[in-house]
N, C-alpha and C. Protein backbone atom coordinates (compact mmCIF):
# COMPACT_ATOMS: atom_id res chain seq x y z
N UNK A 1 105.88 121.48 -0.11
CA UNK A 1 107.01 122.10 -0.66
C UNK A 1 106.19 123.41 -1.11
N UNK A 2 105.14 123.66 -1.38
CA UNK A 2 104.28 125.30 -1.51
C UNK A 2 104.67 126.53 -0.69
N UNK A 3 104.26 125.65 0.45
CA UNK A 3 104.14 126.10 1.43
C UNK A 3 105.60 127.03 2.23
N UNK A 4 106.54 126.36 1.70
CA UNK A 4 107.85 127.04 1.55
C UNK A 4 108.35 127.79 0.77
N UNK A 5 107.75 127.82 -0.87
CA UNK A 5 107.79 128.61 -1.83
C UNK A 5 107.45 130.22 -0.95
N UNK A 6 105.79 129.91 -0.75
CA UNK A 6 105.66 131.16 -0.58
C UNK A 6 105.95 131.60 0.71
N UNK A 7 106.37 130.97 1.82
CA UNK A 7 106.69 131.74 2.36
C UNK A 7 108.34 132.16 2.35
N UNK A 8 109.17 131.38 1.78
CA UNK A 8 110.82 132.38 0.96
C UNK A 8 109.95 133.21 0.19
N UNK A 9 108.88 133.35 -0.78
CA UNK A 9 108.90 135.07 -1.10
C UNK A 9 107.93 135.93 -0.13
N UNK A 10 107.61 135.44 1.23
CA UNK A 10 106.86 136.23 1.76
C UNK A 10 108.40 136.82 2.52
N UNK A 11 108.47 136.36 3.30
CA UNK A 11 109.66 136.32 4.01
C UNK A 11 110.90 137.89 3.05
N UNK A 12 111.19 137.24 1.87
CA UNK A 12 112.14 138.62 0.84
C UNK A 12 111.52 139.60 0.44
N UNK A 13 109.99 139.34 0.72
CA UNK A 13 108.91 140.78 0.73
C UNK A 13 109.22 141.55 1.82
N UNK A 14 109.17 141.16 2.54
CA UNK A 14 109.58 141.80 3.95
C UNK A 14 110.41 142.56 4.47
N UNK A 15 111.41 141.27 4.24
CA UNK A 15 112.73 142.20 3.96
C UNK A 15 113.31 143.80 2.95
N UNK A 16 112.81 143.31 2.44
CA UNK A 16 112.40 144.23 1.04
C UNK A 16 112.02 145.65 1.40
N UNK A 17 110.74 145.10 2.08
CA UNK A 17 110.08 146.40 2.78
C UNK A 17 110.51 146.96 3.65
N UNK A 18 111.71 146.44 4.56
CA UNK A 18 111.65 146.68 5.87
C UNK A 18 113.41 147.70 5.32
N UNK A 19 114.29 147.66 4.18
CA UNK A 19 115.19 148.21 4.02
C UNK A 19 114.54 149.54 3.39
N UNK A 20 116.31 150.64 3.84
CA UNK A 20 115.92 152.26 3.55
C UNK A 20 116.27 152.72 2.47
N UNK A 21 115.95 153.55 2.00
CA UNK A 21 116.61 154.19 1.22
C UNK A 21 117.11 155.92 1.71
N UNK A 22 118.38 155.80 1.11
CA UNK A 22 119.21 156.63 1.85
C UNK A 22 119.70 157.83 1.20
N UNK A 23 119.77 159.13 1.62
CA UNK A 23 120.15 160.44 0.96
C UNK A 23 121.03 160.89 1.69
N UNK A 24 122.33 160.72 0.94
CA UNK A 24 123.89 161.43 2.04
C UNK A 24 123.69 162.08 1.55
N UNK A 25 123.99 163.25 2.23
CA UNK A 25 124.30 165.19 2.26
C UNK A 25 125.96 165.50 2.56
N UNK A 26 127.02 165.46 2.18
CA UNK A 26 128.17 165.78 2.42
C UNK A 26 128.29 167.68 2.32
N UNK A 27 128.22 168.30 3.57
CA UNK A 27 128.68 170.09 2.74
C UNK A 27 129.77 170.39 3.29
N UNK A 28 130.67 170.59 2.48
CA UNK A 28 132.45 171.61 2.56
C UNK A 28 132.55 173.12 2.14
N UNK A 29 133.02 172.59 0.90
CA UNK A 29 133.42 173.75 0.52
C UNK A 29 132.69 173.71 -0.91
N UNK A 30 132.01 172.51 -1.01
CA UNK A 30 131.19 172.01 -1.96
C UNK A 30 129.90 170.87 -1.30
N UNK A 31 128.68 171.30 -2.33
CA UNK A 31 127.95 170.62 -1.74
C UNK A 31 127.46 169.06 -2.82
N UNK A 32 127.67 167.50 -1.37
CA UNK A 32 127.73 166.45 -2.36
C UNK A 32 126.15 165.92 -2.32
N UNK A 33 125.26 165.28 -3.36
CA UNK A 33 124.46 164.39 -3.02
C UNK A 33 124.24 163.34 -3.39
N UNK A 34 123.87 162.40 -2.76
CA UNK A 34 123.76 161.23 -3.46
C UNK A 34 123.06 160.32 -2.70
N UNK A 35 121.89 159.15 -3.31
CA UNK A 35 121.42 158.54 -3.13
C UNK A 35 121.55 157.13 -3.33
N UNK A 36 121.05 156.26 -2.12
CA UNK A 36 121.11 154.54 -2.45
C UNK A 36 120.37 153.63 -1.51
N UNK A 37 121.01 152.42 -1.45
CA UNK A 37 120.27 151.64 -0.63
C UNK A 37 121.46 150.72 -0.88
N UNK A 38 121.37 150.07 0.73
CA UNK A 38 122.26 149.17 0.89
C UNK A 38 123.89 149.56 0.71
N UNK A 39 124.40 149.03 0.34
CA UNK A 39 125.85 149.59 0.10
C UNK A 39 125.89 150.37 -1.29
N UNK A 40 124.73 150.64 -2.18
CA UNK A 40 124.99 151.01 -3.49
C UNK A 40 124.57 152.31 -3.66
N UNK A 41 125.70 152.92 -3.87
CA UNK A 41 125.16 154.55 -3.96
C UNK A 41 125.41 155.15 -5.46
N UNK A 42 124.03 156.75 -6.14
CA UNK A 42 125.06 157.16 -7.31
C UNK A 42 124.81 158.33 -6.32
N UNK A 43 125.68 159.49 -7.07
CA UNK A 43 125.56 160.08 -6.56
C UNK A 43 125.00 161.24 -8.10
N UNK A 44 124.02 162.52 -7.48
CA UNK A 44 122.91 163.02 -7.66
C UNK A 44 123.62 164.57 -8.54
N UNK A 45 124.58 165.19 -7.08
CA UNK A 45 124.87 166.67 -7.52
C UNK A 45 126.21 166.57 -6.70
N UNK A 46 127.09 166.77 -7.51
CA UNK A 46 127.28 167.58 -8.51
C UNK A 46 127.40 166.21 -9.79
N UNK A 47 126.50 166.14 -10.87
CA UNK A 47 127.01 165.36 -12.00
C UNK A 47 128.24 164.68 -12.29
N UNK A 48 128.63 164.05 -12.01
CA UNK A 48 129.66 163.16 -12.40
C UNK A 48 129.62 163.49 -14.24
N UNK A 49 131.20 163.94 -14.61
CA UNK A 49 131.56 163.54 -15.55
C UNK A 49 131.64 162.44 -16.20
N UNK A 50 130.49 162.68 -17.68
CA UNK A 50 130.30 160.95 -18.16
C UNK A 50 131.86 161.28 -19.30
N UNK A 51 132.00 159.88 -19.16
CA UNK A 51 133.23 159.48 -19.64
C UNK A 51 133.46 159.78 -21.44
N UNK A 52 134.87 160.32 -21.58
CA UNK A 52 134.98 160.88 -22.76
C UNK A 52 134.99 159.51 -24.02
N UNK A 53 134.53 159.49 -24.87
CA UNK A 53 134.82 158.25 -26.03
C UNK A 53 135.91 158.73 -26.87
N UNK A 54 136.69 157.69 -27.56
CA UNK A 54 137.28 158.53 -28.50
C UNK A 54 136.81 158.51 -29.77
N UNK A 55 137.23 159.52 -30.24
CA UNK A 55 136.46 160.32 -31.85
C UNK A 55 137.28 159.26 -32.55
N UNK A 56 135.85 158.38 -33.25
CA UNK A 56 136.00 157.73 -34.35
C UNK A 56 136.29 158.75 -35.90
N UNK A 57 136.89 157.91 -36.35
CA UNK A 57 137.89 158.71 -37.89
C UNK A 57 136.41 159.02 -38.78
N UNK A 58 136.04 160.31 -39.27
CA UNK A 58 135.13 160.65 -39.84
C UNK A 58 135.12 159.78 -41.01
N UNK A 59 134.22 159.68 -42.05
CA UNK A 59 133.75 158.73 -43.23
C UNK A 59 134.33 159.90 -44.32
N UNK A 60 134.66 159.51 -44.92
CA UNK A 60 134.89 160.64 -46.58
C UNK A 60 133.80 160.54 -46.99
N UNK A 61 133.74 161.95 -47.18
CA UNK A 61 132.40 162.80 -47.48
C UNK A 61 132.28 162.37 -49.07
N UNK A 62 131.29 162.14 -49.87
CA UNK A 62 131.07 162.30 -51.37
C UNK A 62 130.89 162.99 -52.19
N UNK A 63 131.19 163.69 -53.08
CA UNK A 63 131.04 164.83 -53.63
C UNK A 63 129.95 164.67 -53.93
N UNK A 64 129.06 165.88 -53.58
CA UNK A 64 127.70 166.34 -54.26
C UNK A 64 127.54 166.99 -55.32
N UNK A 65 126.78 166.26 -56.38
CA UNK A 65 126.39 167.32 -57.40
C UNK A 65 125.74 168.76 -57.34
N UNK A 66 125.90 169.68 -57.63
CA UNK A 66 125.40 171.09 -57.54
C UNK A 66 123.98 170.82 -58.17
N UNK A 67 122.62 171.19 -56.83
CA UNK A 67 121.54 171.21 -57.00
C UNK A 67 121.50 171.54 -58.90
N UNK A 68 120.26 171.59 -59.14
CA UNK A 68 119.86 171.92 -60.60
C UNK A 68 119.06 172.47 -60.20
N UNK A 69 119.05 174.22 -61.18
CA UNK A 69 118.16 175.03 -61.02
C UNK A 69 116.72 175.22 -61.30
N UNK A 70 116.34 173.68 -61.76
CA UNK A 70 115.03 173.51 -62.25
C UNK A 70 114.15 173.32 -60.95
N UNK A 71 114.71 172.35 -60.31
CA UNK A 71 114.03 172.26 -58.70
C UNK A 71 113.20 173.60 -58.14
N UNK A 72 112.18 173.51 -57.73
CA UNK A 72 111.93 175.05 -56.51
C UNK A 72 111.86 174.30 -55.22
N UNK A 73 112.17 175.20 -54.47
CA UNK A 73 111.90 175.08 -52.93
C UNK A 73 110.70 174.78 -52.77
N UNK A 74 109.90 173.78 -51.90
CA UNK A 74 109.16 173.49 -51.87
C UNK A 74 108.69 174.78 -50.17
N UNK A 75 107.24 175.10 -50.42
CA UNK A 75 106.94 175.98 -49.17
C UNK A 75 107.27 175.46 -47.59
N UNK A 76 107.54 176.33 -46.90
CA UNK A 76 107.36 176.09 -45.43
C UNK A 76 106.17 175.15 -45.10
N UNK A 77 105.80 174.32 -44.25
CA UNK A 77 104.03 174.34 -43.75
C UNK A 77 103.86 175.46 -42.85
N UNK A 78 102.50 175.61 -43.18
CA UNK A 78 101.60 176.68 -41.86
C UNK A 78 101.90 175.90 -40.68
N UNK A 79 102.79 177.09 -39.53
CA UNK A 79 102.80 177.17 -38.62
C UNK A 79 100.95 176.79 -37.80
N UNK A 80 101.29 175.75 -36.67
CA UNK A 80 100.02 175.44 -36.11
C UNK A 80 99.64 176.49 -35.08
N UNK A 81 98.63 176.90 -35.13
CA UNK A 81 97.86 177.70 -33.79
C UNK A 81 98.10 176.55 -32.26
N UNK A 82 98.57 177.04 -31.58
CA UNK A 82 98.25 176.41 -30.08
C UNK A 82 97.23 175.92 -29.21
N UNK A 83 96.53 174.94 -29.55
CA UNK A 83 94.92 174.99 -28.67
C UNK A 83 95.15 175.34 -27.38
N UNK A 84 94.31 176.06 -27.45
CA UNK A 84 93.95 176.89 -26.00
C UNK A 84 93.09 175.16 -24.69
N UNK A 85 93.67 175.49 -23.46
CA UNK A 85 93.49 174.42 -22.80
C UNK A 85 92.04 174.29 -21.93
N UNK A 86 91.55 173.22 -20.99
CA UNK A 86 91.15 173.63 -20.06
C UNK A 86 91.63 174.02 -19.02
N UNK A 87 91.48 175.59 -18.87
CA UNK A 87 92.49 176.10 -17.45
C UNK A 87 91.68 175.19 -16.48
N UNK A 88 90.68 175.55 -15.90
CA UNK A 88 89.54 175.16 -15.04
C UNK A 88 89.57 173.84 -14.45
N UNK A 89 89.69 172.88 -15.75
CA UNK A 89 89.95 171.57 -15.42
C UNK A 89 91.14 171.08 -15.11
N UNK A 90 92.20 171.94 -15.25
CA UNK A 90 93.85 170.93 -15.36
C UNK A 90 93.83 171.68 -13.50
N UNK A 91 92.87 172.90 -13.24
CA UNK A 91 93.14 173.20 -11.81
C UNK A 91 92.51 172.49 -10.89
N UNK A 92 91.63 171.91 -10.99
CA UNK A 92 90.81 170.98 -10.44
C UNK A 92 91.64 169.40 -10.29
N UNK A 93 91.98 169.02 -11.13
CA UNK A 93 92.95 168.26 -10.77
C UNK A 93 94.56 168.44 -10.17
N UNK A 94 94.63 169.69 -10.25
CA UNK A 94 95.67 169.62 -9.67
C UNK A 94 95.90 170.01 -7.91
N UNK A 95 94.17 170.66 -7.55
CA UNK A 95 93.79 170.36 -6.70
C UNK A 95 93.58 169.43 -6.20
N UNK A 96 93.16 168.29 -6.90
CA UNK A 96 92.86 167.23 -6.13
C UNK A 96 93.40 166.47 -5.76
N UNK A 97 94.97 166.47 -6.59
CA UNK A 97 96.25 165.85 -6.48
C UNK A 97 96.62 166.20 -5.22
N UNK A 98 96.67 167.73 -4.49
CA UNK A 98 97.10 167.85 -3.64
C UNK A 98 96.61 167.77 -2.60
N UNK A 99 95.21 167.92 -2.46
CA UNK A 99 94.45 167.09 -1.45
C UNK A 99 94.37 165.87 -0.96
N UNK A 100 95.07 164.70 -2.16
CA UNK A 100 95.07 163.18 -2.07
C UNK A 100 96.80 163.71 -1.06
N UNK A 101 97.45 163.90 -2.12
CA UNK A 101 98.66 163.89 -1.53
C UNK A 101 99.47 164.14 -0.23
N UNK A 102 99.17 165.78 0.55
CA UNK A 102 99.08 166.01 1.66
C UNK A 102 99.33 165.52 2.45
N UNK A 103 98.23 164.80 2.83
CA UNK A 103 97.89 163.99 4.29
C UNK A 103 99.16 162.69 4.27
N UNK A 104 98.91 161.82 3.31
CA UNK A 104 99.77 160.69 3.07
C UNK A 104 101.12 161.49 3.50
N UNK A 105 101.37 162.81 2.53
CA UNK A 105 102.58 163.21 2.36
C UNK A 105 103.37 163.47 3.57
N UNK A 106 102.37 164.10 4.73
CA UNK A 106 102.91 164.80 5.84
C UNK A 106 103.26 163.23 6.99
N UNK A 107 102.79 162.33 7.07
CA UNK A 107 102.64 161.37 7.70
C UNK A 107 103.62 160.58 7.29
N UNK A 108 104.05 160.30 5.93
CA UNK A 108 105.78 159.70 5.78
C UNK A 108 106.86 160.70 5.81
N UNK A 109 106.80 161.73 5.67
CA UNK A 109 107.94 162.50 6.67
C UNK A 109 108.18 162.68 8.15
N UNK A 110 107.31 162.31 8.56
CA UNK A 110 107.41 161.81 10.08
C UNK A 110 108.06 160.43 10.24
N UNK A 111 108.40 159.57 9.78
CA UNK A 111 108.79 158.29 9.49
C UNK A 111 110.61 159.10 9.26
N UNK A 112 110.76 159.78 8.68
CA UNK A 112 112.10 160.02 8.47
C UNK A 112 113.50 159.95 9.39
N UNK A 113 114.35 159.46 8.91
CA UNK A 113 115.20 159.03 9.71
C UNK A 113 116.65 160.12 9.90
N UNK A 114 117.29 161.22 10.98
CA UNK A 114 118.16 161.81 10.17
C UNK A 114 119.57 161.07 11.23
N UNK A 115 120.22 160.63 10.52
CA UNK A 115 121.34 159.72 11.19
C UNK A 115 122.74 159.83 11.21
N UNK A 116 123.58 159.48 11.75
CA UNK A 116 125.36 160.23 11.66
C UNK A 116 125.54 161.83 11.15
N UNK A 117 125.19 162.09 11.97
CA UNK A 117 124.98 163.64 11.74
C UNK A 117 126.17 163.83 12.28
N UNK A 118 127.20 164.49 11.22
CA UNK A 118 128.97 164.66 11.82
C UNK A 118 129.58 166.17 11.34
N UNK A 119 128.76 167.40 12.43
CA UNK A 119 128.91 168.76 12.07
C UNK A 119 129.99 169.70 12.69
N UNK A 120 130.92 169.69 11.96
CA UNK A 120 132.56 170.56 12.74
C UNK A 120 132.36 172.32 12.05
N UNK A 121 132.12 173.21 12.53
CA UNK A 121 131.70 174.49 11.83
C UNK A 121 132.99 175.42 13.27
N UNK A 122 133.98 176.24 11.79
CA UNK A 122 134.75 176.82 12.19
C UNK A 122 134.52 177.95 11.95
N UNK A 123 134.38 178.96 12.56
CA UNK A 123 133.55 180.43 12.55
C UNK A 123 135.17 181.34 12.53
N UNK A 124 135.30 181.98 11.78
CA UNK A 124 136.83 182.96 11.42
C UNK A 124 136.24 183.93 10.75
N UNK A 125 136.73 185.00 10.41
CA UNK A 125 137.02 186.34 9.77
C UNK A 125 138.19 187.45 9.81
N UNK A 126 138.34 188.35 9.23
CA UNK A 126 139.47 189.37 9.87
C UNK A 126 139.16 190.18 10.76
N UNK A 127 137.69 190.51 11.28
CA UNK A 127 137.49 191.33 11.99
C UNK A 127 137.14 190.79 13.91
N UNK A 128 138.02 190.38 14.35
CA UNK A 128 137.91 190.10 15.53
C UNK A 128 136.62 190.20 16.23
N UNK A 129 135.59 191.07 16.31
CA UNK A 129 134.56 191.82 16.69
C UNK A 129 133.35 190.88 15.85
N UNK A 130 133.61 191.22 14.63
CA UNK A 130 132.37 190.42 13.47
C UNK A 130 132.35 189.03 14.01
N UNK A 131 133.64 188.40 14.11
CA UNK A 131 133.98 187.04 14.13
C UNK A 131 133.63 186.55 15.57
N UNK A 132 133.19 187.09 16.60
CA UNK A 132 132.71 186.60 17.73
C UNK A 132 130.63 186.94 17.49
N UNK A 133 130.78 187.58 17.40
CA UNK A 133 129.31 188.14 16.74
C UNK A 133 128.69 186.82 15.74
N UNK A 134 129.41 186.75 14.88
CA UNK A 134 129.17 185.66 13.65
C UNK A 134 129.25 184.29 14.38
N UNK A 135 129.84 184.27 15.19
CA UNK A 135 130.19 182.43 16.06
C UNK A 135 129.00 182.50 17.46
N UNK A 136 127.77 183.78 17.26
CA UNK A 136 126.84 183.84 19.07
C UNK A 136 125.36 183.78 17.91
N UNK A 137 125.43 184.01 16.51
CA UNK A 137 124.03 184.11 15.43
C UNK A 137 124.60 182.65 15.14
N UNK A 138 126.07 182.21 14.41
CA UNK A 138 126.25 180.66 14.12
C UNK A 138 125.21 179.94 15.04
N UNK A 139 125.64 179.62 16.38
CA UNK A 139 124.74 178.80 17.72
C UNK A 139 124.13 178.36 17.73
N UNK A 140 123.80 179.78 17.67
CA UNK A 140 121.79 180.16 18.07
C UNK A 140 121.04 179.74 17.00
N UNK A 141 121.54 179.70 15.44
CA UNK A 141 120.68 179.23 14.79
C UNK A 141 120.75 177.68 14.19
N UNK A 142 122.31 177.49 14.47
CA UNK A 142 122.44 176.05 14.25
C UNK A 142 121.80 175.08 15.68
N UNK A 143 121.84 175.60 17.05
CA UNK A 143 121.39 174.65 17.94
C UNK A 143 119.74 174.84 18.03
N UNK A 144 119.20 175.66 17.43
CA UNK A 144 118.19 176.71 17.58
C UNK A 144 117.35 175.57 16.46
N UNK A 145 118.21 175.10 15.48
CA UNK A 145 117.24 173.96 14.04
C UNK A 145 117.49 172.81 14.81
N UNK A 146 117.94 172.34 15.30
CA UNK A 146 118.50 171.13 15.73
C UNK A 146 117.75 170.76 16.64
N UNK A 147 117.16 171.47 18.04
CA UNK A 147 116.62 171.23 18.72
C UNK A 147 115.09 171.17 18.26
N UNK A 148 114.70 171.94 17.29
CA UNK A 148 113.33 172.45 16.49
C UNK A 148 112.73 170.46 15.55
N UNK A 149 114.48 170.26 15.21
CA UNK A 149 114.12 169.33 14.00
C UNK A 149 114.28 168.07 14.47
N UNK A 150 114.52 167.72 16.37
CA UNK A 150 114.42 166.48 17.26
C UNK A 150 112.94 166.30 17.37
N UNK A 151 112.54 167.75 18.06
CA UNK A 151 110.77 167.76 17.83
C UNK A 151 110.30 166.92 16.47
N UNK A 152 110.74 167.08 15.50
CA UNK A 152 109.90 166.87 14.36
C UNK A 152 110.42 165.15 14.04
N UNK A 153 111.39 164.75 14.02
CA UNK A 153 112.16 163.87 13.69
C UNK A 153 113.04 163.07 14.22
N UNK A 154 113.70 161.61 13.89
CA UNK A 154 114.32 161.34 15.38
C UNK A 154 115.61 161.24 14.33
N UNK A 155 116.66 161.86 15.40
CA UNK A 155 118.10 162.46 14.90
C UNK A 155 119.46 161.54 16.01
N UNK A 156 120.10 161.29 15.60
CA UNK A 156 121.28 161.01 16.17
C UNK A 156 122.69 161.42 15.20
N UNK A 157 123.54 161.95 16.78
CA UNK A 157 124.05 162.95 16.14
C UNK A 157 125.47 161.93 16.88
N UNK A 158 126.58 162.07 15.69
CA UNK A 158 128.13 161.47 16.27
C UNK A 158 129.03 162.85 16.62
N UNK A 159 128.69 163.89 16.50
CA UNK A 159 129.71 164.60 16.70
C UNK A 159 128.53 166.17 16.44
N UNK A 160 128.68 167.00 17.19
CA UNK A 160 128.12 168.93 17.21
C UNK A 160 129.40 169.98 17.78
N UNK A 161 129.98 169.81 16.60
CA UNK A 161 131.23 170.97 17.59
C UNK A 161 131.29 172.42 16.44
N UNK A 162 131.67 173.30 17.53
CA UNK A 162 130.91 174.97 16.76
C UNK A 162 132.11 175.69 17.52
N UNK A 163 133.30 176.32 16.67
CA UNK A 163 134.46 176.88 17.58
C UNK A 163 134.80 177.94 16.86
N UNK A 164 135.12 178.71 17.92
CA UNK A 164 135.50 180.32 17.06
C UNK A 164 137.23 180.01 16.96
N UNK A 165 137.85 180.50 15.50
CA UNK A 165 138.82 180.75 15.25
C UNK A 165 139.52 181.79 14.62
N UNK A 166 139.91 182.80 15.25
CA UNK A 166 140.00 184.22 15.22
C UNK A 166 141.46 184.33 13.65
N UNK A 167 141.96 183.23 13.88
CA UNK A 167 142.92 183.23 12.57
C UNK A 167 142.77 182.60 10.98
N UNK A 168 141.52 182.20 11.65
CA UNK A 168 140.90 181.82 10.25
C UNK A 168 140.35 183.06 9.09
N UNK A 169 140.47 182.64 7.87
CA UNK A 169 140.28 184.29 7.43
C UNK A 169 138.73 184.09 6.90
N UNK A 170 137.90 182.64 7.52
CA UNK A 170 136.53 182.72 7.13
C UNK A 170 136.42 181.73 7.68
N UNK A 171 134.45 181.91 8.01
CA UNK A 171 133.95 180.78 7.91
C UNK A 171 134.52 179.16 6.98
N UNK A 172 134.57 178.04 8.05
CA UNK A 172 134.71 176.85 7.64
C UNK A 172 133.94 175.80 8.09
N UNK A 173 133.36 175.16 7.54
CA UNK A 173 132.66 173.72 7.88
C UNK A 173 132.68 172.52 6.94
N UNK A 174 132.30 171.32 7.81
CA UNK A 174 132.19 170.03 7.22
C UNK A 174 131.25 169.13 7.68
N UNK A 175 129.97 169.25 7.28
CA UNK A 175 129.24 168.87 7.81
C UNK A 175 128.23 167.76 6.85
N UNK A 176 128.58 166.72 7.53
CA UNK A 176 128.04 165.38 7.12
C UNK A 176 126.38 164.62 7.56
N UNK A 177 125.91 163.83 6.93
CA UNK A 177 124.26 163.02 7.17
C UNK A 177 123.62 162.68 6.50
N UNK A 178 122.84 161.61 6.85
CA UNK A 178 122.18 160.40 6.05
C UNK A 178 120.94 160.81 6.62
N UNK A 179 119.88 160.89 5.41
CA UNK A 179 118.51 160.69 5.55
C UNK A 179 118.22 159.50 5.31
N UNK A 180 117.58 158.49 5.91
CA UNK A 180 116.67 157.41 5.55
C UNK A 180 114.94 157.61 5.70
N UNK A 181 114.75 156.33 4.86
CA UNK A 181 113.75 156.32 5.01
C UNK A 181 113.19 154.75 4.29
N UNK A 182 112.05 154.19 5.07
CA UNK A 182 111.87 152.99 4.84
C UNK A 182 111.18 152.41 3.35
N UNK A 183 111.50 151.64 2.93
CA UNK A 183 111.02 151.20 1.23
C UNK A 183 109.49 151.06 1.64
N UNK A 184 108.96 150.35 2.94
CA UNK A 184 107.00 149.98 3.36
C UNK A 184 106.82 151.22 3.13
N UNK A 185 107.11 152.35 4.09
CA UNK A 185 106.20 153.96 4.45
C UNK A 185 106.10 154.31 2.71
N UNK A 186 107.20 154.69 2.23
CA UNK A 186 107.46 155.35 0.65
C UNK A 186 105.85 154.42 -0.08
N UNK A 187 105.80 153.41 0.07
CA UNK A 187 104.78 152.80 -0.93
C UNK A 187 103.40 152.69 -0.39
N UNK A 188 103.68 152.62 1.09
CA UNK A 188 102.03 152.68 2.18
C UNK A 188 101.58 153.82 1.57
N UNK A 189 102.45 155.53 1.18
CA UNK A 189 102.18 157.04 1.40
C UNK A 189 101.57 156.61 0.02
N UNK A 190 102.05 156.19 -0.65
CA UNK A 190 101.98 156.27 -2.57
C UNK A 190 100.48 155.29 -2.45
N UNK A 191 100.55 154.37 -1.87
CA UNK A 191 99.09 153.36 -2.45
C UNK A 191 97.63 154.66 -1.59
N UNK A 192 98.35 155.02 -0.19
CA UNK A 192 96.83 156.02 0.38
C UNK A 192 96.85 157.58 -0.80
N UNK A 193 98.15 157.71 -1.73
CA UNK A 193 98.08 158.96 -2.46
C UNK A 193 96.80 158.25 -3.43
N UNK A 194 96.99 157.53 -4.16
CA UNK A 194 96.18 156.86 -5.28
C UNK A 194 95.14 156.18 -4.72
N UNK A 195 95.03 155.67 -3.78
CA UNK A 195 93.53 155.45 -2.93
C UNK A 195 92.65 157.07 -2.99
N UNK A 196 93.29 157.94 -1.91
CA UNK A 196 92.74 159.37 -2.16
C UNK A 196 92.49 159.45 -2.71
N UNK A 197 92.88 159.68 -3.89
CA UNK A 197 92.36 160.74 -5.33
C UNK A 197 91.74 160.13 -6.28
N UNK A 198 91.51 158.68 -6.05
CA UNK A 198 90.75 157.72 -6.48
C UNK A 198 89.15 157.99 -5.80
N UNK A 199 89.09 158.32 -4.72
CA UNK A 199 88.23 157.73 -4.04
C UNK A 199 87.53 159.40 -3.85
N UNK A 200 88.07 160.38 -3.89
CA UNK A 200 87.96 161.63 -4.24
C UNK A 200 87.04 162.17 -5.92
N UNK A 201 87.71 161.41 -6.59
CA UNK A 201 87.41 161.77 -8.33
C UNK A 201 85.87 160.94 -8.32
N UNK A 202 86.02 159.73 -7.97
CA UNK A 202 84.11 158.73 -7.67
C UNK A 202 83.55 160.03 -6.91
N UNK A 203 83.35 160.32 -6.08
CA UNK A 203 82.96 161.44 -5.06
C UNK A 203 82.42 162.24 -5.90
N UNK A 204 83.12 163.08 -6.36
CA UNK A 204 82.74 163.97 -7.25
C UNK A 204 82.12 163.97 -8.71
N UNK A 205 82.01 162.35 -9.21
CA UNK A 205 81.75 162.35 -10.62
C UNK A 205 79.97 161.47 -9.95
N UNK A 206 79.92 161.54 -9.11
CA UNK A 206 78.57 161.21 -8.66
C UNK A 206 77.44 162.60 -7.96
N UNK A 207 78.18 163.49 -7.82
CA UNK A 207 77.47 164.52 -6.97
C UNK A 207 76.83 164.90 -8.37
N UNK A 208 75.28 165.38 -8.20
CA UNK A 208 74.62 165.92 -9.48
C UNK A 208 74.97 167.37 -10.02
N UNK A 209 74.95 167.51 -11.04
CA UNK A 209 75.61 168.52 -11.75
C UNK A 209 74.31 169.95 -11.31
N UNK A 210 74.82 171.14 -11.03
CA UNK A 210 73.77 172.12 -10.36
C UNK A 210 72.81 172.65 -11.25
N UNK A 211 71.67 172.70 -11.06
CA UNK A 211 70.38 172.58 -12.38
C UNK A 211 70.73 174.77 -13.11
N UNK A 212 70.58 174.45 -14.09
CA UNK A 212 70.60 176.16 -14.60
C UNK A 212 69.40 176.68 -14.41
N UNK A 213 69.51 177.80 -14.02
CA UNK A 213 68.38 178.57 -13.83
C UNK A 213 67.88 178.97 -15.08
N UNK A 214 66.80 179.04 -15.48
CA UNK A 214 66.32 180.04 -16.83
C UNK A 214 66.33 181.33 -16.38
N UNK A 215 66.77 181.97 -17.20
CA UNK A 215 67.26 183.65 -17.13
C UNK A 215 65.72 184.04 -17.59
N UNK A 216 65.10 185.08 -16.33
CA UNK A 216 63.85 185.52 -16.96
C UNK A 216 63.86 186.97 -17.56
N UNK A 217 62.45 186.95 -18.56
CA UNK A 217 62.96 187.99 -19.11
C UNK A 217 62.33 189.13 -18.47
């Protein structure tokens, strides 16, 4: 019975680590960003307006007595001067964190997947010559960036269309894509960052302090 429970827990953990955190991006006249897992998504930008609560009836204010003149006002406490921090120590900690985080972070970014890319761009404008030039520039930038992105991460596109419409007063776009990253990859990168930072801190603590040379008179 025990091995069945252990196997079930192990299977659940494997399935959990295989799930992906999904970042959905939609660009039209507005920019929408949401994050989720499975079928549950939360919109990050723009933030949804909070529901307005019904205003409660204000309680009746009690009549206040006029303060007596005998009471003296308390003097405000003196302001505390901010203590000077150890700038060198803070800078060393930041550098150690960067050294520990950059290699695992770079490896994690290689596991990103861009899927469901659906991009439609209609280039327009009041001047036909400027519209044609803008069409060429947008094509070069978009397809050049798309090819460079394919060399870095896995990309799956559903549709990519760039058209020129001289009747449109301005350029319009409808771009949607999802960025996926597995939970297991994220946790492994975080563990590597923590281990590298801890090992670097221990090595740094074991190093002998430089001897202070006496100044000759």
